[in-house]
Amino acid sequence: MAKKEEKEIKKKVTEKQKKKEKESLMSKIRNFIRGVKQEWKRIKWPSKKSMIKYSIATIIFIVSCSLFFYIIDVILAFLHTLGK
């Protein structure tokens, strides 16, 4: 009879632990969502004018880098043909 009681007690303890784990998981998820909402409010979105300015600067940078590497490639190809 004592073994049955021990099993029941262990079963109750494990059920309580599972409930606590579920609650702690849910509380962690809730805390994460709250944190995301708080961070989302802190975001300062750029204006349309600054977005256009940054986009143009990025395109100019990409084109200039592409031209640089193209010129280097042409020079190296020319030097390679001279070496043959």
PDB file of N, CA and C in Angstrom:
ATOM      1  N   MET A   1       0.811  -1.187   0.000  1.00  0.00           N
ATOM      2  CA  MET A   1       0.000   0.000   0.000  1.00  0.00           C
ATOM      3  C   MET A   1       0.861   1.261   0.000  1.00  0.00           C
ATOM      4  N   ALA A   2       1.991   1.200   0.636  1.00  0.00           N
ATOM      5  CA  ALA A   2       2.878   2.344   0.700  1.00  0.00           C
ATOM      6  C   ALA A   2       3.456   2.651  -0.676  1.00  0.00           C
ATOM      7  N   LYS A   3       3.699   1.612  -1.459  1.00  0.00           N
ATOM      8  CA  LYS A   3       4.241   1.813  -2.798  1.00  0.00           C
ATOM      9  C   LYS A   3       3.238   2.534  -3.683  1.00  0.00           C
ATOM     10  N   LYS A   4       1.957   2.199  -3.546  1.00  0.00           N
ATOM     11  CA  LYS A   4       0.916   2.861  -4.325  1.00  0.00           C
ATOM     12  C   LYS A   4       0.852   4.347  -3.974  1.00  0.00           C
ATOM     13  N   GLU A   5       0.935   4.621  -2.685  1.00  0.00           N
ATOM     14  CA  GLU A   5       0.900   6.008  -2.222  1.00  0.00           C
ATOM     15  C   GLU A   5       2.109   6.781  -2.744  1.00  0.00           C
ATOM     16  N   GLU A   6       3.270   6.133  -2.718  1.00  0.00           N
ATOM     17  CA  GLU A   6       4.485   6.777  -3.229  1.00  0.00           C
ATOM     18  C   GLU A   6       4.349   7.067  -4.723  1.00  0.00           C
ATOM     19  N   LYS A   7       3.797   6.122  -5.472  1.00  0.00           N
ATOM     20  CA  LYS A   7       3.600   6.318  -6.908  1.00  0.00           C
ATOM     21  C   LYS A   7       2.651   7.473  -7.184  1.00  0.00           C
ATOM     22  N   GLU A   8       1.568   7.543  -6.395  1.00  0.00           N
ATOM     23  CA  GLU A   8       0.602   8.629  -6.563  1.00  0.00           C
ATOM     24  C   GLU A   8       1.244   9.975  -6.244  1.00  0.00           C
ATOM     25  N   ILE A   9       2.032  10.013  -5.192  1.00  0.00           N
ATOM     26  CA  ILE A   9       2.707  11.256  -4.807  1.00  0.00           C
ATOM     27  C   ILE A   9       3.679  11.678  -5.903  1.00  0.00           C
ATOM     28  N   LYS A  10       4.459  10.725  -6.425  1.00  0.00           N
ATOM     29  CA  LYS A  10       5.401  11.028  -7.497  1.00  0.00           C
ATOM     30  C   LYS A  10       4.661  11.515  -8.743  1.00  0.00           C
ATOM     31  N   LYS A  11       3.522  10.882  -9.020  1.00  0.00           N
ATOM     32  CA  LYS A  11       2.716  11.275 -10.184  1.00  0.00           C
ATOM     33  C   LYS A  11       2.219  12.715 -10.027  1.00  0.00           C
ATOM     34  N   LYS A  12       1.747  13.053  -8.834  1.00  0.00           N
ATOM     35  CA  LYS A  12       1.266  14.408  -8.574  1.00  0.00           C
ATOM     36  C   LYS A  12       2.398  15.423  -8.692  1.00  0.00           C
ATOM     37  N   VAL A  13       3.573  15.049  -8.174  1.00  0.00           N
ATOM     38  CA  VAL A  13       4.727  15.949  -8.231  1.00  0.00           C
ATOM     39  C   VAL A  13       5.133  16.189  -9.679  1.00  0.00           C
ATOM     40  N   THR A  14       5.172  15.124 -10.478  1.00  0.00           N
ATOM     41  CA  THR A  14       5.564  15.292 -11.882  1.00  0.00           C
ATOM     42  C   THR A  14       4.529  16.100 -12.647  1.00  0.00           C
ATOM     43  N   GLU A  15       3.240  15.929 -12.329  1.00  0.00           N
ATOM     44  CA  GLU A  15       2.197  16.730 -12.973  1.00  0.00           C
ATOM     45  C   GLU A  15       2.368  18.210 -12.629  1.00  0.00           C
ATOM     46  N   LYS A  16       2.684  18.482 -11.369  1.00  0.00           N
ATOM     47  CA  LYS A  16       2.902  19.874 -10.950  1.00  0.00           C
ATOM     48  C   LYS A  16       4.127  20.459 -11.655  1.00  0.00           C
ATOM     49  N   GLN A  17       5.181  19.654 -11.800  1.00  0.00           N
ATOM     50  CA  GLN A  17       6.386  20.130 -12.483  1.00  0.00           C
ATOM     51  C   GLN A  17       6.077  20.433 -13.952  1.00  0.00           C
ATOM     52  N   LYS A  18       5.290  19.575 -14.596  1.00  0.00           N
ATOM     53  CA  LYS A  18       4.927  19.804 -15.996  1.00  0.00           C
ATOM     54  C   LYS A  18       4.119  21.088 -16.138  1.00  0.00           C
ATOM     55  N   LYS A  19       3.194  21.320 -15.187  1.00  0.00           N
ATOM     56  CA  LYS A  19       2.405  22.554 -15.227  1.00  0.00           C
ATOM     57  C   LYS A  19       3.306  23.779 -15.071  1.00  0.00           C
ATOM     58  N   LYS A  20       4.261  23.698 -14.142  1.00  0.00           N
ATOM     59  CA  LYS A  20       5.181  24.818 -13.929  1.00  0.00           C
ATOM     60  C   LYS A  20       6.030  25.069 -15.165  1.00  0.00           C
ATOM     61  N   GLU A  21       6.486  23.982 -15.815  1.00  0.00           N
ATOM     62  CA  GLU A  21       7.289  24.135 -17.023  1.00  0.00           C
ATOM     63  C   GLU A  21       6.487  24.791 -18.130  1.00  0.00           C
ATOM     64  N   LYS A  22       5.222  24.379 -18.277  1.00  0.00           N
ATOM     65  CA  LYS A  22       4.362  24.987 -19.292  1.00  0.00           C
ATOM     66  C   LYS A  22       4.132  26.454 -18.982  1.00  0.00           C
ATOM     67  N   GLU A  23       3.868  26.753 -17.714  1.00  0.00           N
ATOM     68  CA  GLU A  23       3.641  28.137 -17.325  1.00  0.00           C
ATOM     69  C   GLU A  23       4.896  28.972 -17.542  1.00  0.00           C
ATOM     70  N   SER A  24       6.028  28.418 -17.206  1.00  0.00           N
ATOM     71  CA  SER A  24       7.254  29.186 -17.371  1.00  0.00           C
ATOM     72  C   SER A  24       7.544  29.389 -18.857  1.00  0.00           C
ATOM     73  N   LEU A  25       7.240  28.395 -19.685  1.00  0.00           N
ATOM     74  CA  LEU A  25       7.421  28.545 -21.130  1.00  0.00           C
ATOM     75  C   LEU A  25       6.499  29.632 -21.656  1.00  0.00           C
ATOM     76  N   MET A  26       5.245  29.602 -21.220  1.00  0.00           N
ATOM     77  CA  MET A  26       4.295  30.621 -21.671  1.00  0.00           C
ATOM     78  C   MET A  26       4.710  32.000 -21.180  1.00  0.00           C
ATOM     79  N   SER A  27       5.203  32.095 -19.963  1.00  0.00           N
ATOM     80  CA  SER A  27       5.629  33.401 -19.459  1.00  0.00           C
ATOM     81  C   SER A  27       6.858  33.894 -20.218  1.00  0.00           C
ATOM     82  N   LYS A  28       7.740  32.968 -20.605  1.00  0.00           N
ATOM     83  CA  LYS A  28       8.902  33.366 -21.404  1.00  0.00           C
ATOM     84  C   LYS A  28       8.464  33.888 -22.761  1.00  0.00           C
ATOM     85  N   ILE A  29       7.497  33.214 -23.361  1.00  0.00           N
ATOM     86  CA  ILE A  29       6.989  33.664 -24.664  1.00  0.00           C
ATOM     87  C   ILE A  29       6.333  35.026 -24.531  1.00  0.00           C
ATOM     88  N   ARG A  30       5.525  35.209 -23.479  1.00  0.00           N
ATOM     89  CA  ARG A  30       4.877  36.511 -23.261  1.00  0.00           C
ATOM     90  C   ARG A  30       5.915  37.612 -23.057  1.00  0.00           C
ATOM     91  N   ASN A  31       6.951  37.341 -22.263  1.00  0.00           N
ATOM     92  CA  ASN A  31       8.000  38.334 -22.036  1.00  0.00           C
ATOM     93  C   ASN A  31       8.723  38.670 -23.338  1.00  0.00           C
ATOM     94  N   PHE A  32       8.970  37.651 -24.167  1.00  0.00           N
ATOM     95  CA  PHE A  32       9.630  37.892 -25.450  1.00  0.00           C
ATOM     96  C   PHE A  32       8.777  38.793 -26.335  1.00  0.00           C
ATOM     97  N   ILE A  33       7.473  38.506 -26.404  1.00  0.00           N
ATOM     98  CA  ILE A  33       6.581  39.310 -27.244  1.00  0.00           C
ATOM     99  C   ILE A  33       6.506  40.742 -26.725  1.00  0.00           C
ATOM    100  N   ARG A  34       6.450  40.905 -25.415  1.00  0.00           N
ATOM    101  CA  ARG A  34       6.447  42.262 -24.847  1.00  0.00           C
ATOM    102  C   ARG A  34       7.723  43.014 -25.224  1.00  0.00           C
ATOM    103  N   GLY A  35       8.856  42.322 -25.140  1.00  0.00           N
ATOM    104  CA  GLY A  35      10.131  42.946 -25.496  1.00  0.00           C
ATOM    105  C   GLY A  35      10.170  43.350 -26.962  1.00  0.00           C
ATOM    106  N   VAL A  36       9.629  42.494 -27.823  1.00  0.00           N
ATOM    107  CA  VAL A  36       9.590  42.817 -29.252  1.00  0.00           C
ATOM    108  C   VAL A  36       8.732  44.053 -29.485  1.00  0.00           C
ATOM    109  N   LYS A  37       7.587  44.125 -28.817  1.00  0.00           N
ATOM    110  CA  LYS A  37       6.713  45.295 -28.964  1.00  0.00           C
ATOM    111  C   LYS A  37       7.412  46.571 -28.498  1.00  0.00           C
ATOM    112  N   GLN A  38       8.130  46.482 -27.384  1.00  0.00           N
ATOM    113  CA  GLN A  38       8.843  47.656 -26.877  1.00  0.00           C
ATOM    114  C   GLN A  38       9.928  48.101 -27.842  1.00  0.00           C
ATOM    115  N   GLU A  39      10.678  47.153 -28.391  1.00  0.00           N
ATOM    116  CA  GLU A  39      11.734  47.501 -29.348  1.00  0.00           C
ATOM    117  C   GLU A  39      11.137  48.060 -30.627  1.00  0.00           C
ATOM    118  N   TRP A  40      10.000  47.526 -31.043  1.00  0.00           N
ATOM    119  CA  TRP A  40       9.352  47.991 -32.264  1.00  0.00           C
ATOM    120  C   TRP A  40       8.963  49.465 -32.137  1.00  0.00           C
ATOM    121  N   LYS A  41       8.555  49.861 -30.934  1.00  0.00           N
ATOM    122  CA  LYS A  41       8.175  51.257 -30.711  1.00  0.00           C
ATOM    123  C   LYS A  41       9.383  52.193 -30.757  1.00  0.00           C
ATOM    124  N   ARG A  42      10.569  51.670 -30.465  1.00  0.00           N
ATOM    125  CA  ARG A  42      11.786  52.492 -30.440  1.00  0.00           C
ATOM    126  C   ARG A  42      12.379  52.734 -31.828  1.00  0.00           C
ATOM    127  N   ILE A  43      11.910  52.005 -32.821  1.00  0.00           N
ATOM    128  CA  ILE A  43      12.473  52.135 -34.162  1.00  0.00           C
ATOM    129  C   ILE A  43      12.138  53.512 -34.731  1.00  0.00           C
ATOM    130  N   LYS A  44      13.156  54.158 -35.289  1.00  0.00           N
ATOM    131  CA  LYS A  44      12.942  55.434 -35.959  1.00  0.00           C
ATOM    132  C   LYS A  44      13.096  55.190 -37.455  1.00  0.00           C
ATOM    133  N   TRP A  45      11.970  55.197 -38.144  1.00  0.00           N
ATOM    134  CA  TRP A  45      11.976  54.923 -39.571  1.00  0.00           C
ATOM    135  C   TRP A  45      12.473  56.145 -40.329  1.00  0.00           C
ATOM    136  N   PRO A  46      13.280  55.943 -41.378  1.00  0.00           N
ATOM    137  CA  PRO A  46      13.780  57.087 -42.157  1.00  0.00           C
ATOM    138  C   PRO A  46      12.665  57.716 -42.986  1.00  0.00           C
ATOM    139  N   SER A  47      12.858  58.989 -43.259  1.00  0.00           N
ATOM    140  CA  SER A  47      11.865  59.689 -44.076  1.00  0.00           C
ATOM    141  C   SER A  47      12.044  59.299 -45.546  1.00  0.00           C
ATOM    142  N   LYS A  48      11.091  59.671 -46.353  1.00  0.00           N
ATOM    143  CA  LYS A  48      11.146  59.347 -47.779  1.00  0.00           C
ATOM    144  C   LYS A  48      12.345  60.032 -48.432  1.00  0.00           C
ATOM    145  N   LYS A  49      12.606  61.271 -48.035  1.00  0.00           N
ATOM    146  CA  LYS A  49      13.716  62.026 -48.604  1.00  0.00           C
ATOM    147  C   LYS A  49      15.061  61.357 -48.300  1.00  0.00           C
ATOM    148  N   SER A  50      15.244  60.944 -47.054  1.00  0.00           N
ATOM    149  CA  SER A  50      16.519  60.309 -46.700  1.00  0.00           C
ATOM    150  C   SER A  50      16.643  58.924 -47.341  1.00  0.00           C
ATOM    151  N   MET A  51      15.540  58.210 -47.509  1.00  0.00           N
ATOM    152  CA  MET A  51      15.587  56.903 -48.177  1.00  0.00           C
ATOM    153  C   MET A  51      16.026  57.060 -49.630  1.00  0.00           C
ATOM    154  N   ILE A  52      15.528  58.078 -50.305  1.00  0.00           N
ATOM    155  CA  ILE A  52      15.933  58.329 -51.693  1.00  0.00           C
ATOM    156  C   ILE A  52      17.419  58.668 -51.744  1.00  0.00           C
ATOM    157  N   LYS A  53      17.858  59.507 -50.799  1.00  0.00           N
ATOM    158  CA  LYS A  53      19.263  59.899 -50.758  1.00  0.00           C
ATOM    159  C   LYS A  53      20.173  58.688 -50.532  1.00  0.00           C
ATOM    160  N   TYR A  54      19.806  57.828 -49.577  1.00  0.00           N
ATOM    161  CA  TYR A  54      20.612  56.643 -49.291  1.00  0.00           C
ATOM    162  C   TYR A  54      20.585  55.649 -50.445  1.00  0.00           C
ATOM    163  N   SER A  55      19.448  55.540 -51.110  1.00  0.00           N
ATOM    164  CA  SER A  55      19.344  54.621 -52.252  1.00  0.00           C
ATOM    165  C   SER A  55      20.239  55.083 -53.396  1.00  0.00           C
ATOM    166  N   ILE A  56      20.241  56.377 -53.675  1.00  0.00           N
ATOM    167  CA  ILE A  56      21.089  56.917 -54.745  1.00  0.00           C
ATOM    168  C   ILE A  56      22.564  56.722 -54.394  1.00  0.00           C
ATOM    169  N   ALA A  57      22.911  56.977 -53.138  1.00  0.00           N
ATOM    170  CA  ALA A  57      24.304  56.791 -52.712  1.00  0.00           C
ATOM    171  C   ALA A  57      24.725  55.321 -52.859  1.00  0.00           C
ATOM    172  N   THR A  58      23.842  54.405 -52.532  1.00  0.00           N
ATOM    173  CA  THR A  58      24.150  52.984 -52.663  1.00  0.00           C
ATOM    174  C   THR A  58      24.342  52.597 -54.123  1.00  0.00           C
ATOM    175  N   ILE A  59      23.470  53.072 -54.990  1.00  0.00           N
ATOM    176  CA  ILE A  59      23.592  52.757 -56.422  1.00  0.00           C
ATOM    177  C   ILE A  59      24.884  53.319 -56.990  1.00  0.00           C
ATOM    178  N   ILE A  60      25.233  54.542 -56.612  1.00  0.00           N
ATOM    179  CA  ILE A  60      26.484  55.142 -57.087  1.00  0.00           C
ATOM    180  C   ILE A  60      27.679  54.326 -56.600  1.00  0.00           C
ATOM    181  N   PHE A  61      27.650  53.901 -55.354  1.00  0.00           N
ATOM    182  CA  PHE A  61      28.736  53.096 -54.803  1.00  0.00           C
ATOM    183  C   PHE A  61      28.877  51.778 -55.555  1.00  0.00           C
ATOM    184  N   ILE A  62      27.769  51.114 -55.836  1.00  0.00           N
ATOM    185  CA  ILE A  62      27.803  49.834 -56.545  1.00  0.00           C
ATOM    186  C   ILE A  62      28.337  50.015 -57.960  1.00  0.00           C
ATOM    187  N   VAL A  63      27.877  51.051 -58.654  1.00  0.00           N
ATOM    188  CA  VAL A  63      28.343  51.298 -60.023  1.00  0.00           C
ATOM    189  C   VAL A  63      29.835  51.619 -60.026  1.00  0.00           C
ATOM    190  N   SER A  64      30.297  52.453 -59.100  1.00  0.00           N
ATOM    191  CA  SER A  64      31.721  52.813 -59.067  1.00  0.00           C
ATOM    192  C   SER A  64      32.596  51.595 -58.737  1.00  0.00           C
ATOM    193  N   CYS A  65      32.168  50.751 -57.824  1.00  0.00           N
ATOM    194  CA  CYS A  65      32.934  49.537 -57.524  1.00  0.00           C
ATOM    195  C   CYS A  65      32.952  48.603 -58.728  1.00  0.00           C
ATOM    196  N   SER A  66      31.826  48.487 -59.411  1.00  0.00           N
ATOM    197  CA  SER A  66      31.765  47.637 -60.594  1.00  0.00           C
ATOM    198  C   SER A  66      32.712  48.142 -61.672  1.00  0.00           C
ATOM    199  N   LEU A  67      32.715  49.446 -61.892  1.00  0.00           N
ATOM    200  CA  LEU A  67      33.630  50.021 -62.886  1.00  0.00           C
ATOM    201  C   LEU A  67      35.083  49.795 -62.493  1.00  0.00           C
ATOM    202  N   PHE A  68      35.396  49.963 -61.241  1.00  0.00           N
ATOM    203  CA  PHE A  68      36.761  49.747 -60.762  1.00  0.00           C
ATOM    204  C   PHE A  68      37.226  48.324 -61.070  1.00  0.00           C
ATOM    205  N   PHE A  69      36.406  47.342 -60.686  1.00  0.00           N
ATOM    206  CA  PHE A  69      36.803  45.960 -60.921  1.00  0.00           C
ATOM    207  C   PHE A  69      36.805  45.612 -62.405  1.00  0.00           C
ATOM    208  N   TYR A  70      35.937  46.217 -63.198  1.00  0.00           N
ATOM    209  CA  TYR A  70      35.948  45.992 -64.641  1.00  0.00           C
ATOM    210  C   TYR A  70      37.252  46.516 -65.254  1.00  0.00           C
ATOM    211  N   ILE A  71      37.656  47.710 -64.831  1.00  0.00           N
ATOM    212  CA  ILE A  71      38.894  48.291 -65.357  1.00  0.00           C
ATOM    213  C   ILE A  71      40.097  47.438 -64.954  1.00  0.00           C
ATOM    214  N   ILE A  72      40.133  46.979 -63.700  1.00  0.00           N
ATOM    215  CA  ILE A  72      41.220  46.105 -63.245  1.00  0.00           C
ATOM    216  C   ILE A  72      41.232  44.822 -64.082  1.00  0.00           C
ATOM    217  N   ASP A  73      40.064  44.270 -64.348  1.00  0.00           N
ATOM    218  CA  ASP A  73      39.969  43.042 -65.133  1.00  0.00           C
ATOM    219  C   ASP A  73      40.473  43.266 -66.564  1.00  0.00           C
ATOM    220  N   VAL A  74      40.121  44.395 -67.167  1.00  0.00           N
ATOM    221  CA  VAL A  74      40.571  44.701 -68.528  1.00  0.00           C
ATOM    222  C   VAL A  74      42.092  44.870 -68.558  1.00  0.00           C
ATOM    223  N   ILE A  75      42.624  45.570 -67.575  1.00  0.00           N
ATOM    224  CA  ILE A  75      44.074  45.779 -67.522  1.00  0.00           C
ATOM    225  C   ILE A  75      44.798  44.444 -67.363  1.00  0.00           C
ATOM    226  N   LEU A  76      44.327  43.596 -66.450  1.00  0.00           N
ATOM    227  CA  LEU A  76      44.968  42.297 -66.236  1.00  0.00           C
ATOM    228  C   LEU A  76      44.827  41.403 -67.472  1.00  0.00           C
ATOM    229  N   ALA A  77      43.698  41.462 -68.162  1.00  0.00           N
ATOM    230  CA  ALA A  77      43.538  40.673 -69.394  1.00  0.00           C
ATOM    231  C   ALA A  77      44.488  41.165 -70.471  1.00  0.00           C
ATOM    232  N   PHE A  78      44.647  42.481 -70.551  1.00  0.00           N
ATOM    233  CA  PHE A  78      45.571  43.053 -71.535  1.00  0.00           C
ATOM    234  C   PHE A  78      47.000  42.622 -71.229  1.00  0.00           C
ATOM    235  N   LEU A  79      47.395  42.678 -69.948  1.00  0.00           N
ATOM    236  CA  LEU A  79      48.735  42.255 -69.554  1.00  0.00           C
ATOM    237  C   LEU A  79      48.937  40.757 -69.797  1.00  0.00           C
ATOM    238  N   HIS A  80      47.898  39.996 -69.627  1.00  0.00           N
ATOM    239  CA  HIS A  80      47.975  38.549 -69.862  1.00  0.00           C
ATOM    240  C   HIS A  80      48.198  38.250 -71.352  1.00  0.00           C
ATOM    241  N   THR A  81      47.531  39.016 -72.218  1.00  0.00           N
ATOM    242  CA  THR A  81      47.721  38.798 -73.667  1.00  0.00           C
ATOM    243  C   THR A  81      49.102  39.240 -74.105  1.00  0.00           C
ATOM    244  N   LEU A  82      49.670  40.252 -73.439  1.00  0.00           N
ATOM    245  CA  LEU A  82      51.027  40.688 -73.795  1.00  0.00           C
ATOM    246  C   LEU A  82      52.066  39.626 -73.417  1.00  0.00           C
ATOM    247  N   GLY A  83      51.776  38.886 -72.360  1.00  0.00           N
ATOM    248  CA  GLY A  83      52.705  37.884 -71.866  1.00  0.00           C
ATOM    249  C   GLY A  83      52.773  36.649 -72.742  1.00  0.00           C
ATOM    250  N   LYS A  84      51.805  36.438 -73.592  1.00  0.00           N
ATOM    251  CA  LYS A  84      51.801  35.235 -74.452  1.00  0.00           C
ATOM    252  C   LYS A  84      52.708  35.366 -75.601  1.00  0.00           C
TER     253      LYS A  84
END
